[in-house]
PDB file of N, CA and C in Angstrom:
ATOM      1  N   MET A   1     215.681  58.434 226.569  1.00  0.00           N
ATOM      2  CA  MET A   1     216.726  57.462 226.431  1.00  0.00           C
ATOM      3  C   MET A   1     217.530  57.315 227.726  1.00  0.00           C
ATOM      4  N   SER A   2     217.715  58.415 228.466  1.00  0.00           N
ATOM      5  CA  SER A   2     218.485  58.323 229.708  1.00  0.00           C
ATOM      6  C   SER A   2     217.751  57.510 230.764  1.00  0.00           C
ATOM      7  N   ASN A   3     216.403  57.484 230.718  1.00  0.00           N
ATOM      8  CA  ASN A   3     215.638  56.666 231.661  1.00  0.00           C
ATOM      9  C   ASN A   3     215.920  55.183 231.466  1.00  0.00           C
ATOM     10  N   LEU A   4     216.124  54.763 230.239  1.00  0.00           N
ATOM     11  CA  LEU A   4     216.399  53.355 229.967  1.00  0.00           C
ATOM     12  C   LEU A   4     217.736  52.932 230.559  1.00  0.00           C
ATOM     13  N   GLN A   5     218.698  53.839 230.595  1.00  0.00           N
ATOM     14  CA  GLN A   5     220.010  53.505 231.126  1.00  0.00           C
ATOM     15  C   GLN A   5     219.971  53.326 232.640  1.00  0.00           C
ATOM     16  N   ASN A   6     218.980  53.920 233.320  1.00  0.00           N
ATOM     17  CA  ASN A   6     218.899  53.841 234.776  1.00  0.00           C
ATOM     18  C   ASN A   6     218.097  52.633 235.263  1.00  0.00           C
ATOM     19  N   LEU A   7     217.496  51.890 234.352  1.00  0.00           N
ATOM     20  CA  LEU A   7     216.719  50.721 234.750  1.00  0.00           C
ATOM     21  C   LEU A   7     217.628  49.630 235.296  1.00  0.00           C
ATOM     22  N   VAL A   8     217.169  48.984 236.340  1.00  0.00           N
ATOM     23  CA  VAL A   8     217.900  47.841 236.889  1.00  0.00           C
ATOM     24  C   VAL A   8     217.462  46.612 236.117  1.00  0.00           C
ATOM     25  N   THR A   9     218.403  45.896 235.589  1.00  0.00           N
ATOM     26  CA  THR A   9     218.067  44.704 234.813  1.00  0.00           C
ATOM     27  C   THR A   9     218.023  43.481 235.722  1.00  0.00           C
ATOM     28  N   ASP A  10     217.423  42.408 235.214  1.00  0.00           N
ATOM     29  CA  ASP A  10     217.390  41.146 235.950  1.00  0.00           C
ATOM     30  C   ASP A  10     218.811  40.660 236.244  1.00  0.00           C
ATOM     31  N   THR A  11     219.709  40.908 235.312  1.00  0.00           N
ATOM     32  CA  THR A  11     221.085  40.469 235.498  1.00  0.00           C
ATOM     33  C   THR A  11     221.736  41.213 236.652  1.00  0.00           C
ATOM     34  N   ASP A  12     221.490  42.523 236.755  1.00  0.00           N
ATOM     35  CA  ASP A  12     222.040  43.303 237.859  1.00  0.00           C
ATOM     36  C   ASP A  12     221.505  42.801 239.197  1.00  0.00           C
ATOM     37  N   GLU A  13     220.210  42.523 239.231  1.00  0.00           N
ATOM     38  CA  GLU A  13     219.600  42.025 240.462  1.00  0.00           C
ATOM     39  C   GLU A  13     220.164  40.664 240.830  1.00  0.00           C
ATOM     40  N   SER A  14     220.338  39.804 239.861  1.00  0.00           N
ATOM     41  CA  SER A  14     220.913  38.478 240.122  1.00  0.00           C
ATOM     42  C   SER A  14     222.332  38.590 240.648  1.00  0.00           C
ATOM     43  N   LYS A  15     223.113  39.487 240.071  1.00  0.00           N
ATOM     44  CA  LYS A  15     224.485  39.676 240.543  1.00  0.00           C
ATOM     45  C   LYS A  15     224.490  40.158 241.989  1.00  0.00           C
ATOM     46  N   TRP A  16     223.578  41.083 242.322  1.00  0.00           N
ATOM     47  CA  TRP A  16     223.515  41.588 243.696  1.00  0.00           C
ATOM     48  C   TRP A  16     223.138  40.468 244.653  1.00  0.00           C
ATOM     49  N   ILE A  17     222.158  39.658 244.261  1.00  0.00           N
ATOM     50  CA  ILE A  17     221.730  38.551 245.126  1.00  0.00           C
ATOM     51  C   ILE A  17     222.891  37.587 245.350  1.00  0.00           C
ATOM     52  N   ILE A  18     223.591  37.248 244.303  1.00  0.00           N
ATOM     53  CA  ILE A  18     224.695  36.293 244.409  1.00  0.00           C
ATOM     54  C   ILE A  18     225.865  36.869 245.200  1.00  0.00           C
ATOM     55  N   ASN A  19     226.230  38.110 244.924  1.00  0.00           N
ATOM     56  CA  ASN A  19     227.450  38.677 245.488  1.00  0.00           C
ATOM     57  C   ASN A  19     227.275  39.397 246.820  1.00  0.00           C
ATOM     58  N   GLU A  20     226.110  39.983 247.076  1.00  0.00           N
ATOM     59  CA  GLU A  20     225.994  40.861 248.234  1.00  0.00           C
ATOM     60  C   GLU A  20     224.856  40.535 249.199  1.00  0.00           C
ATOM     61  N   TYR A  21     223.853  39.785 248.763  1.00  0.00           N
ATOM     62  CA  TYR A  21     222.671  39.571 249.590  1.00  0.00           C
ATOM     63  C   TYR A  21     222.995  38.881 250.912  1.00  0.00           C
ATOM     64  N   GLY A  22     223.834  37.859 250.876  1.00  0.00           N
ATOM     65  CA  GLY A  22     224.172  37.128 252.106  1.00  0.00           C
ATOM     66  C   GLY A  22     224.773  38.036 253.166  1.00  0.00           C
ATOM     67  N   GLU A  23     225.705  38.857 252.755  1.00  0.00           N
ATOM     68  CA  GLU A  23     226.337  39.777 253.710  1.00  0.00           C
ATOM     69  C   GLU A  23     225.330  40.817 254.208  1.00  0.00           C
ATOM     70  N   TRP A  24     224.501  41.339 253.294  1.00  0.00           N
ATOM     71  CA  TRP A  24     223.481  42.314 253.688  1.00  0.00           C
ATOM     72  C   TRP A  24     222.530  41.702 254.716  1.00  0.00           C
ATOM     73  N   LEU A  25     222.076  40.465 254.454  1.00  0.00           N
ATOM     74  CA  LEU A  25     221.134  39.803 255.352  1.00  0.00           C
ATOM     75  C   LEU A  25     221.759  39.571 256.727  1.00  0.00           C
ATOM     76  N   GLN A  26     223.003  39.143 256.780  1.00  0.00           N
ATOM     77  CA  GLN A  26     223.641  38.918 258.073  1.00  0.00           C
ATOM     78  C   GLN A  26     223.811  40.214 258.849  1.00  0.00           C
ATOM     79  N   ASN A  27     224.008  41.335 258.156  1.00  0.00           N
ATOM     80  CA  ASN A  27     224.082  42.631 258.835  1.00  0.00           C
ATOM     81  C   ASN A  27     222.730  43.040 259.417  1.00  0.00           C
ATOM     82  N   GLN A  28     221.643  42.562 258.837  1.00  0.00           N
ATOM     83  CA  GLN A  28     220.303  42.888 259.311  1.00  0.00           C
ATOM     84  C   GLN A  28     219.922  42.107 260.570  1.00  0.00           C
ATOM     85  N   VAL A  29     220.646  41.041 260.853  1.00  0.00           N
ATOM     86  CA  VAL A  29     220.344  40.172 261.994  1.00  0.00           C
ATOM     87  C   VAL A  29     220.341  40.959 263.297  1.00  0.00           C
ATOM     88  N   HIS A  30     221.209  41.923 263.417  1.00  0.00           N
ATOM     89  CA  HIS A  30     221.324  42.695 264.661  1.00  0.00           C
ATOM     90  C   HIS A  30     220.071  43.516 264.946  1.00  0.00           C
ATOM     91  N   CYS A  31     219.250  43.771 263.933  1.00  0.00           N
ATOM     92  CA  CYS A  31     218.047  44.592 264.097  1.00  0.00           C
ATOM     93  C   CYS A  31     216.800  43.756 264.388  1.00  0.00           C
ATOM     94  N   ILE A  32     216.912  42.455 264.394  1.00  0.00           N
ATOM     95  CA  ILE A  32     215.743  41.589 264.561  1.00  0.00           C
ATOM     96  C   ILE A  32     215.387  41.473 266.040  1.00  0.00           C
ATOM     97  N   ASP A  33     214.094  41.656 266.334  1.00  0.00           N
ATOM     98  CA  ASP A  33     213.575  41.524 267.698  1.00  0.00           C
ATOM     99  C   ASP A  33     213.361  40.042 267.991  1.00  0.00           C
ATOM    100  N   THR A  34     214.141  39.486 268.910  1.00  0.00           N
ATOM    101  CA  THR A  34     214.053  38.054 269.217  1.00  0.00           C
ATOM    102  C   THR A  34     213.179  37.762 270.432  1.00  0.00           C
ATOM    103  N   SER A  35     212.381  38.733 270.862  1.00  0.00           N
ATOM    104  CA  SER A  35     211.509  38.490 272.010  1.00  0.00           C
ATOM    105  C   SER A  35     210.325  37.603 271.620  1.00  0.00           C
ATOM    106  N   LEU A  36     209.996  37.537 270.331  1.00  0.00           N
ATOM    107  CA  LEU A  36     208.910  36.687 269.858  1.00  0.00           C
ATOM    108  C   LEU A  36     209.486  35.494 269.091  1.00  0.00           C
ATOM    109  N   GLU A  37     208.704  34.436 268.986  1.00  0.00           N
ATOM    110  CA  GLU A  37     209.139  33.220 268.289  1.00  0.00           C
ATOM    111  C   GLU A  37     209.453  33.518 266.821  1.00  0.00           C
ATOM    112  N   ASP A  38     208.663  34.392 266.183  1.00  0.00           N
ATOM    113  CA  ASP A  38     208.880  34.749 264.786  1.00  0.00           C
ATOM    114  C   ASP A  38     210.246  35.413 264.599  1.00  0.00           C
ATOM    115  N   GLY A  39     210.631  36.259 265.535  1.00  0.00           N
ATOM    116  CA  GLY A  39     211.930  36.914 265.478  1.00  0.00           C
ATOM    117  C   GLY A  39     213.078  35.930 265.649  1.00  0.00           C
ATOM    118  N   LYS A  40     212.893  34.953 266.531  1.00  0.00           N
ATOM    119  CA  LYS A  40     213.923  33.924 266.721  1.00  0.00           C
ATOM    120  C   LYS A  40     214.123  33.123 265.438  1.00  0.00           C
ATOM    121  N   LEU A  41     213.009  32.791 264.775  1.00  0.00           N
ATOM    122  CA  LEU A  41     213.079  32.049 263.517  1.00  0.00           C
ATOM    123  C   LEU A  41     213.802  32.868 262.453  1.00  0.00           C
ATOM    124  N   ARG A  42     213.451  34.121 262.316  1.00  0.00           N
ATOM    125  CA  ARG A  42     214.103  34.983 261.320  1.00  0.00           C
ATOM    126  C   ARG A  42     215.597  35.102 261.584  1.00  0.00           C
ATOM    127  N   LYS A  43     215.963  35.255 262.838  1.00  0.00           N
ATOM    128  CA  LYS A  43     217.380  35.395 263.180  1.00  0.00           C
ATOM    129  C   LYS A  43     218.144  34.113 262.835  1.00  0.00           C
ATOM    130  N   ALA A  44     217.548  32.966 263.134  1.00  0.00           N
ATOM    131  CA  ALA A  44     218.203  31.689 262.819  1.00  0.00           C
ATOM    132  C   ALA A  44     218.371  31.524 261.310  1.00  0.00           C
ATOM    133  N   LEU A  45     217.329  31.848 260.548  1.00  0.00           N
ATOM    134  CA  LEU A  45     217.404  31.723 259.099  1.00  0.00           C
ATOM    135  C   LEU A  45     218.425  32.695 258.509  1.00  0.00           C
ATOM    136  N   ALA A  46     218.425  33.912 259.023  1.00  0.00           N
ATOM    137  CA  ALA A  46     219.362  34.923 258.523  1.00  0.00           C
ATOM    138  C   ALA A  46     220.797  34.564 258.874  1.00  0.00           C
ATOM    139  N   GLY A  47     221.000  33.863 259.983  1.00  0.00           N
ATOM    140  CA  GLY A  47     222.341  33.454 260.384  1.00  0.00           C
ATOM    141  C   GLY A  47     222.947  32.436 259.445  1.00  0.00           C
ATOM    142  N   GLY A  48     222.108  31.759 258.694  1.00  0.00           N
ATOM    143  CA  GLY A  48     222.592  30.794 257.710  1.00  0.00           C
ATOM    144  C   GLY A  48     222.714  29.392 258.265  1.00  0.00           C
ATOM    145  N   LEU A  49     223.010  28.488 257.375  1.00  0.00           N
ATOM    146  CA  LEU A  49     223.146  27.081 257.729  1.00  0.00           C
ATOM    147  C   LEU A  49     224.481  26.807 258.400  1.00  0.00           C
ATOM    148  N   SER A  50     224.441  25.932 259.360  1.00  0.00           N
ATOM    149  CA  SER A  50     225.669  25.403 259.940  1.00  0.00           C
ATOM    150  C   SER A  50     226.264  24.454 258.906  1.00  0.00           C
ATOM    151  N   CYS A  51     227.549  24.269 258.937  1.00  0.00           N
ATOM    152  CA  CYS A  51     228.172  23.334 257.994  1.00  0.00           C
ATOM    153  C   CYS A  51     227.950  21.888 258.428  1.00  0.00           C
ATOM    154  N   TYR A  52     227.322  21.701 259.580  1.00  0.00           N
ATOM    155  CA  TYR A  52     227.039  20.359 260.073  1.00  0.00           C
ATOM    156  C   TYR A  52     225.558  20.052 259.914  1.00  0.00           C
ATOM    157  N   GLY A  53     225.280  18.889 259.398  1.00  0.00           N
ATOM    158  CA  GLY A  53     223.921  18.412 259.262  1.00  0.00           C
ATOM    159  C   GLY A  53     223.922  16.916 259.501  1.00  0.00           C
ATOM    160  N   ARG A  54     222.750  16.335 259.455  1.00  0.00           N
ATOM    161  CA  ARG A  54     222.668  14.884 259.661  1.00  0.00           C
ATOM    162  C   ARG A  54     221.899  14.266 258.514  1.00  0.00           C
ATOM    163  N   ARG A  55     222.340  13.092 258.120  1.00  0.00           N
ATOM    164  CA  ARG A  55     221.616  12.285 257.152  1.00  0.00           C
ATOM    165  C   ARG A  55     221.038  11.121 257.922  1.00  0.00           C
ATOM    166  N   MET A  56     219.728  10.893 257.756  1.00  0.00           N
ATOM    167  CA  MET A  56     219.059   9.862 258.541  1.00  0.00           C
ATOM    168  C   MET A  56     218.363   8.860 257.631  1.00  0.00           C
ATOM    169  N   LYS A  57     218.200   7.647 258.147  1.00  0.00           N
ATOM    170  CA  LYS A  57     217.480   6.598 257.412  1.00  0.00           C
ATOM    171  C   LYS A  57     216.006   6.556 257.794  1.00  0.00           C
ATOM    172  N   GLY A  58     215.682   7.108 258.965  1.00  0.00           N
ATOM    173  CA  GLY A  58     214.298   7.117 259.424  1.00  0.00           C
ATOM    174  C   GLY A  58     214.084   8.245 260.416  1.00  0.00           C
ATOM    175  N   LEU A  59     212.804   8.614 260.592  1.00  0.00           N
ATOM    176  CA  LEU A  59     212.490   9.751 261.443  1.00  0.00           C
ATOM    177  C   LEU A  59     211.017   9.701 261.844  1.00  0.00           C
ATOM    178  N   MET A  60     210.736  10.075 263.089  1.00  0.00           N
ATOM    179  CA  MET A  60     209.353  10.224 263.557  1.00  0.00           C
ATOM    180  C   MET A  60     209.052  11.715 263.679  1.00  0.00           C
ATOM    181  N   ILE A  61     207.982  12.158 263.024  1.00  0.00           N
ATOM    182  CA  ILE A  61     207.548  13.556 263.103  1.00  0.00           C
ATOM    183  C   ILE A  61     206.050  13.571 263.359  1.00  0.00           C
ATOM    184  N   ASN A  62     205.640  14.221 264.428  1.00  0.00           N
ATOM    185  CA  ASN A  62     204.216  14.362 264.765  1.00  0.00           C
ATOM    186  C   ASN A  62     203.473  13.029 264.725  1.00  0.00           C
ATOM    187  N   GLY A  63     204.105  11.981 265.189  1.00  0.00           N
ATOM    188  CA  GLY A  63     203.465  10.672 265.230  1.00  0.00           C
ATOM    189  C   GLY A  63     203.536   9.887 263.929  1.00  0.00           C
ATOM    190  N   TYR A  64     204.150  10.441 262.893  1.00  0.00           N
ATOM    191  CA  TYR A  64     204.300   9.755 261.612  1.00  0.00           C
ATOM    192  C   TYR A  64     205.737   9.289 261.455  1.00  0.00           C
ATOM    193  N   LYS A  65     205.873   8.057 260.956  1.00  0.00           N
ATOM    194  CA  LYS A  65     207.186   7.469 260.772  1.00  0.00           C
ATOM    195  C   LYS A  65     207.553   7.544 259.285  1.00  0.00           C
ATOM    196  N   PHE A  66     208.724   8.100 259.002  1.00  0.00           N
ATOM    197  CA  PHE A  66     209.223   8.187 257.639  1.00  0.00           C
ATOM    198  C   PHE A  66     210.527   7.404 257.565  1.00  0.00           C
ATOM    199  N   GLN A  67     210.675   6.611 256.511  1.00  0.00           N
ATOM    200  CA  GLN A  67     211.894   5.838 256.303  1.00  0.00           C
ATOM    201  C   GLN A  67     212.318   5.949 254.845  1.00  0.00           C
ATOM    202  N   THR A  68     213.616   5.802 254.607  1.00  0.00           N
ATOM    203  CA  THR A  68     214.122   5.871 253.238  1.00  0.00           C
ATOM    204  C   THR A  68     213.889   4.547 252.514  1.00  0.00           C
ATOM    205  N   ILE A  69     213.945   4.600 251.198  1.00  0.00           N
ATOM    206  CA  ILE A  69     213.773   3.399 250.374  1.00  0.00           C
ATOM    207  C   ILE A  69     214.820   2.350 250.743  1.00  0.00           C
ATOM    208  N   ASP A  70     216.076   2.778 250.949  1.00  0.00           N
ATOM    209  CA  ASP A  70     217.154   1.841 251.294  1.00  0.00           C
ATOM    210  C   ASP A  70     216.871   1.090 252.587  1.00  0.00           C
ATOM    211  N   ARG A  71     216.258   1.766 253.540  1.00  0.00           N
ATOM    212  CA  ARG A  71     216.012   1.142 254.840  1.00  0.00           C
ATOM    213  C   ARG A  71     214.902   0.086 254.762  1.00  0.00           C
ATOM    214  N   VAL A  72     213.909   0.309 253.938  1.00  0.00           N
ATOM    215  CA  VAL A  72     212.766  -0.610 253.916  1.00  0.00           C
ATOM    216  C   VAL A  72     212.802  -1.609 252.765  1.00  0.00           C
ATOM    217  N   CYS A  73     213.831  -1.557 251.920  1.00  0.00           N
ATOM    218  CA  CYS A  73     213.842  -2.401 250.719  1.00  0.00           C
ATOM    219  C   CYS A  73     213.807  -3.894 251.032  1.00  0.00           C
ATOM    220  N   ARG A  74     214.336  -4.309 252.166  1.00  0.00           N
ATOM    221  CA  ARG A  74     214.356  -5.733 252.512  1.00  0.00           C
ATOM    222  C   ARG A  74     213.298  -6.112 253.558  1.00  0.00           C
ATOM    223  N   LEU A  75     212.441  -5.170 253.893  1.00  0.00           N
ATOM    224  CA  LEU A  75     211.400  -5.444 254.884  1.00  0.00           C
ATOM    225  C   LEU A  75     210.107  -5.880 254.208  1.00  0.00           C
ATOM    226  N   LYS A  76     209.271  -6.579 254.945  1.00  0.00           N
ATOM    227  CA  LYS A  76     207.977  -7.001 254.415  1.00  0.00           C
ATOM    228  C   LYS A  76     207.005  -5.839 254.309  1.00  0.00           C
ATOM    229  N   THR A  77     207.114  -4.906 255.234  1.00  0.00           N
ATOM    230  CA  THR A  77     206.242  -3.726 255.184  1.00  0.00           C
ATOM    231  C   THR A  77     207.048  -2.536 254.673  1.00  0.00           C
ATOM    232  N   GLN A  78     206.432  -1.766 253.808  1.00  0.00           N
ATOM    233  CA  GLN A  78     207.085  -0.604 253.208  1.00  0.00           C
ATOM    234  C   GLN A  78     206.526   0.665 253.834  1.00  0.00           C
ATOM    235  N   ASN A  79     207.408   1.593 254.178  1.00  0.00           N
ATOM    236  CA  ASN A  79     206.971   2.840 254.788  1.00  0.00           C
ATOM    237  C   ASN A  79     207.843   3.989 254.296  1.00  0.00           C
ATOM    238  N   SER A  80     208.020   4.074 252.990  1.00  0.00           N
ATOM    239  CA  SER A  80     208.848   5.146 252.441  1.00  0.00           C
ATOM    240  C   SER A  80     208.055   6.051 251.505  1.00  0.00           C
ATOM    241  N   GLY A  81     206.756   5.827 251.397  1.00  0.00           N
ATOM    242  CA  GLY A  81     205.937   6.628 250.491  1.00  0.00           C
ATOM    243  C   GLY A  81     205.462   7.920 251.123  1.00  0.00           C
ATOM    244  N   VAL A  82     205.363   8.960 250.294  1.00  0.00           N
ATOM    245  CA  VAL A  82     204.859  10.261 250.745  1.00  0.00           C
ATOM    246  C   VAL A  82     203.859  10.792 249.735  1.00  0.00           C
ATOM    247  N   MET A  83     202.971  11.649 250.224  1.00  0.00           N
ATOM    248  CA  MET A  83     201.999  12.317 249.388  1.00  0.00           C
ATOM    249  C   MET A  83     201.971  13.780 249.800  1.00  0.00           C
ATOM    250  N   VAL A  84     202.012  14.673 248.814  1.00  0.00           N
ATOM    251  CA  VAL A  84     202.006  16.106 249.085  1.00  0.00           C
ATOM    252  C   VAL A  84     200.933  16.741 248.222  1.00  0.00           C
ATOM    253  N   GLU A  85     200.125  17.602 248.827  1.00  0.00           N
ATOM    254  CA  GLU A  85     199.142  18.378 248.073  1.00  0.00           C
ATOM    255  C   GLU A  85     199.646  19.808 247.992  1.00  0.00           C
ATOM    256  N   ALA A  86     199.726  20.331 246.753  1.00  0.00           N
ATOM    257  CA  ALA A  86     200.185  21.699 246.554  1.00  0.00           C
ATOM    258  C   ALA A  86     199.516  22.277 245.310  1.00  0.00           C
ATOM    259  N   ASP A  87     199.029  23.489 245.431  1.00  0.00           N
ATOM    260  CA  ASP A  87     198.396  24.196 244.304  1.00  0.00           C
ATOM    261  C   ASP A  87     197.302  23.365 243.642  1.00  0.00           C
ATOM    262  N   GLY A  88     196.523  22.661 244.449  1.00  0.00           N
ATOM    263  CA  GLY A  88     195.414  21.877 243.919  1.00  0.00           C
ATOM    264  C   GLY A  88     195.816  20.570 243.266  1.00  0.00           C
ATOM    265  N   GLU A  89     197.067  20.216 243.330  1.00  0.00           N
ATOM    266  CA  GLU A  89     197.563  18.968 242.751  1.00  0.00           C
ATOM    267  C   GLU A  89     198.024  18.041 243.859  1.00  0.00           C
ATOM    268  N   THR A  90     198.007  16.740 243.594  1.00  0.00           N
ATOM    269  CA  THR A  90     198.494  15.747 244.531  1.00  0.00           C
ATOM    270  C   THR A  90     199.704  15.058 243.914  1.00  0.00           C
ATOM    271  N   TYR A  91     200.777  14.982 244.682  1.00  0.00           N
ATOM    272  CA  TYR A  91     202.017  14.375 244.215  1.00  0.00           C
ATOM    273  C   TYR A  91     202.361  13.193 245.114  1.00  0.00           C
ATOM    274  N   TYR A  92     202.893  12.116 244.506  1.00  0.00           N
ATOM    275  CA  TYR A  92     203.266  10.908 245.229  1.00  0.00           C
ATOM    276  C   TYR A  92     204.743  10.604 244.974  1.00  0.00           C
ATOM    277  N   GLY A  93     205.409  10.108 245.989  1.00  0.00           N
ATOM    278  CA  GLY A  93     206.811   9.781 245.815  1.00  0.00           C
ATOM    279  C   GLY A  93     207.313   8.838 246.880  1.00  0.00           C
ATOM    280  N   LYS A  94     208.578   8.488 246.764  1.00  0.00           N
ATOM    281  CA  LYS A  94     209.263   7.647 247.750  1.00  0.00           C
ATOM    282  C   LYS A  94     210.463   8.412 248.278  1.00  0.00           C
ATOM    283  N   VAL A  95     210.695   8.301 249.580  1.00  0.00           N
ATOM    284  CA  VAL A  95     211.771   9.029 250.241  1.00  0.00           C
ATOM    285  C   VAL A  95     213.111   8.356 249.954  1.00  0.00           C
ATOM    286  N   LYS A  96     214.022   9.108 249.311  1.00  0.00           N
ATOM    287  CA  LYS A  96     215.376   8.591 249.040  1.00  0.00           C
ATOM    288  C   LYS A  96     216.316   8.929 250.192  1.00  0.00           C
ATOM    289  N   ASP A  97     216.240  10.155 250.673  1.00  0.00           N
ATOM    290  CA  ASP A  97     217.132  10.618 251.738  1.00  0.00           C
ATOM    291  C   ASP A  97     216.360  11.524 252.683  1.00  0.00           C
ATOM    292  N   ILE A  98     216.795  11.546 253.929  1.00  0.00           N
ATOM    293  CA  ILE A  98     216.262  12.467 254.932  1.00  0.00           C
ATOM    294  C   ILE A  98     217.455  13.218 255.515  1.00  0.00           C
ATOM    295  N   PHE A  99     217.393  14.540 255.456  1.00  0.00           N
ATOM    296  CA  PHE A  99     218.464  15.379 255.992  1.00  0.00           C
ATOM    297  C   PHE A  99     217.909  16.292 257.067  1.00  0.00           C
ATOM    298  N   GLU A 100     218.691  16.497 258.100  1.00  0.00           N
ATOM    299  CA  GLU A 100     218.363  17.491 259.111  1.00  0.00           C
ATOM    300  C   GLU A 100     219.344  18.647 258.927  1.00  0.00           C
ATOM    301  N   LEU A 101     218.814  19.796 258.513  1.00  0.00           N
ATOM    302  CA  LEU A 101     219.633  20.990 258.332  1.00  0.00           C
ATOM    303  C   LEU A 101     219.580  21.795 259.614  1.00  0.00           C
ATOM    304  N   ASN A 102     220.733  22.291 260.046  1.00  0.00           N
ATOM    305  CA  ASN A 102     220.828  23.017 261.304  1.00  0.00           C
ATOM    306  C   ASN A 102     221.168  24.468 261.012  1.00  0.00           C
ATOM    307  N   TYR A 103     220.249  25.367 261.356  1.00  0.00           N
ATOM    308  CA  TYR A 103     220.537  26.794 261.312  1.00  0.00           C
ATOM    309  C   TYR A 103     221.069  27.137 262.685  1.00  0.00           C
ATOM    310  N   TYR A 104     222.131  27.891 262.739  1.00  0.00           N
ATOM    311  CA  TYR A 104     222.792  28.186 264.011  1.00  0.00           C
ATOM    312  C   TYR A 104     221.757  28.534 265.066  1.00  0.00           C
ATOM    313  N   GLY A 105     221.821  27.845 266.156  1.00  0.00           N
ATOM    314  CA  GLY A 105     220.859  28.053 267.223  1.00  0.00           C
ATOM    315  C   GLY A 105     219.947  26.861 267.363  1.00  0.00           C
ATOM    316  N   ASP A 106     218.712  27.120 267.739  1.00  0.00           N
ATOM    317  CA  ASP A 106     217.755  26.057 268.048  1.00  0.00           C
ATOM    318  C   ASP A 106     216.933  25.614 266.851  1.00  0.00           C
ATOM    319  N   PHE A 107     217.112  26.215 265.707  1.00  0.00           N
ATOM    320  CA  PHE A 107     216.214  25.964 264.582  1.00  0.00           C
ATOM    321  C   PHE A 107     216.782  24.894 263.657  1.00  0.00           C
ATOM    322  N   ARG A 108     215.974  23.868 263.421  1.00  0.00           N
ATOM    323  CA  ARG A 108     216.368  22.781 262.526  1.00  0.00           C
ATOM    324  C   ARG A 108     215.260  22.551 261.510  1.00  0.00           C
ATOM    325  N   VAL A 109     215.656  22.136 260.308  1.00  0.00           N
ATOM    326  CA  VAL A 109     214.709  21.867 259.230  1.00  0.00           C
ATOM    327  C   VAL A 109     214.959  20.446 258.739  1.00  0.00           C
ATOM    328  N   ILE A 110     213.879  19.711 258.545  1.00  0.00           N
ATOM    329  CA  ILE A 110     213.979  18.374 257.968  1.00  0.00           C
ATOM    330  C   ILE A 110     213.698  18.485 256.477  1.00  0.00           C
ATOM    331  N   LEU A 111     214.581  17.901 255.687  1.00  0.00           N
ATOM    332  CA  LEU A 111     214.476  17.963 254.232  1.00  0.00           C
ATOM    333  C   LEU A 111     214.378  16.539 253.694  1.00  0.00           C
ATOM    334  N   PHE A 112     213.351  16.288 252.902  1.00  0.00           N
ATOM    335  CA  PHE A 112     213.173  14.984 252.276  1.00  0.00           C
ATOM    336  C   PHE A 112     213.584  15.082 250.812  1.00  0.00           C
ATOM    337  N   ARG A 113     214.438  14.183 250.378  1.00  0.00           N
ATOM    338  CA  ARG A 113     214.775  14.066 248.955  1.00  0.00           C
ATOM    339  C   ARG A 113     213.989  12.874 248.441  1.00  0.00           C
ATOM    340  N   CYS A 114     213.154  13.111 247.436  1.00  0.00           N
ATOM    341  CA  CYS A 114     212.219  12.074 246.994  1.00  0.00           C
ATOM    342  C   CYS A 114     212.336  11.800 245.507  1.00  0.00           C
ATOM    343  N   ASP A 115     211.957  10.591 245.120  1.00  0.00           N
ATOM    344  CA  ASP A 115     211.696  10.241 243.724  1.00  0.00           C
ATOM    345  C   ASP A 115     210.200  10.404 243.541  1.00  0.00           C
ATOM    346  N   TRP A 116     209.802  11.346 242.682  1.00  0.00           N
ATOM    347  CA  TRP A 116     208.381  11.640 242.504  1.00  0.00           C
ATOM    348  C   TRP A 116     207.826  10.851 241.316  1.00  0.00           C
ATOM    349  N   VAL A 117     206.575  10.452 241.430  1.00  0.00           N
ATOM    350  CA  VAL A 117     205.885   9.722 240.375  1.00  0.00           C
ATOM    351  C   VAL A 117     205.246  10.735 239.444  1.00  0.00           C
ATOM    352  N   ASP A 118     205.410  10.539 238.151  1.00  0.00           N
ATOM    353  CA  ASP A 118     204.747  11.395 237.169  1.00  0.00           C
ATOM    354  C   ASP A 118     203.370  10.799 236.926  1.00  0.00           C
ATOM    355  N   ILE A 119     202.344  11.360 237.570  1.00  0.00           N
ATOM    356  CA  ILE A 119     200.995  10.783 237.495  1.00  0.00           C
ATOM    357  C   ILE A 119     200.366  10.958 236.130  1.00  0.00           C
ATOM    358  N   ARG A 120     200.925  11.802 235.295  1.00  0.00           N
ATOM    359  CA  ARG A 120     200.401  11.969 233.931  1.00  0.00           C
ATOM    360  C   ARG A 120     200.742  10.777 233.054  1.00  0.00           C
ATOM    361  N   LYS A 121     201.777   9.994 233.426  1.00  0.00           N
ATOM    362  CA  LYS A 121     202.203   8.848 232.624  1.00  0.00           C
ATOM    363  C   LYS A 121     201.674   7.536 233.191  1.00  0.00           C
ATOM    364  N   VAL A 122     200.943   7.581 234.288  1.00  0.00           N
ATOM    365  CA  VAL A 122     200.458   6.351 234.909  1.00  0.00           C
ATOM    366  C   VAL A 122     199.203   5.881 234.226  1.00  0.00           C
TER     367      VAL A 122
END
């Protein structure tokens, strides 16, 4: 019976993640080796998000142009559609918003907010 009392529950783990994980992770930043690109990425991610970001209507990435639905709604050509393959499935959607998230330093992440099509109902 005493062994059951020592078990860590999901609730305890969730509380730790919510209340203490961020501070623990930031304390670990000082131990990260930044001589390699992987270390620089980890340090930027561990440092957390900057409170400043950008919202964009369009973006070019690796030669591909992405635009939001609002930007192309009055144009003759539409360029707001996206397709993602994950876990053997193909998903289709339209880009509603494009955000650039800035992790302190040189690391930035582009985030697409999309309206996804439910292909099971098509």
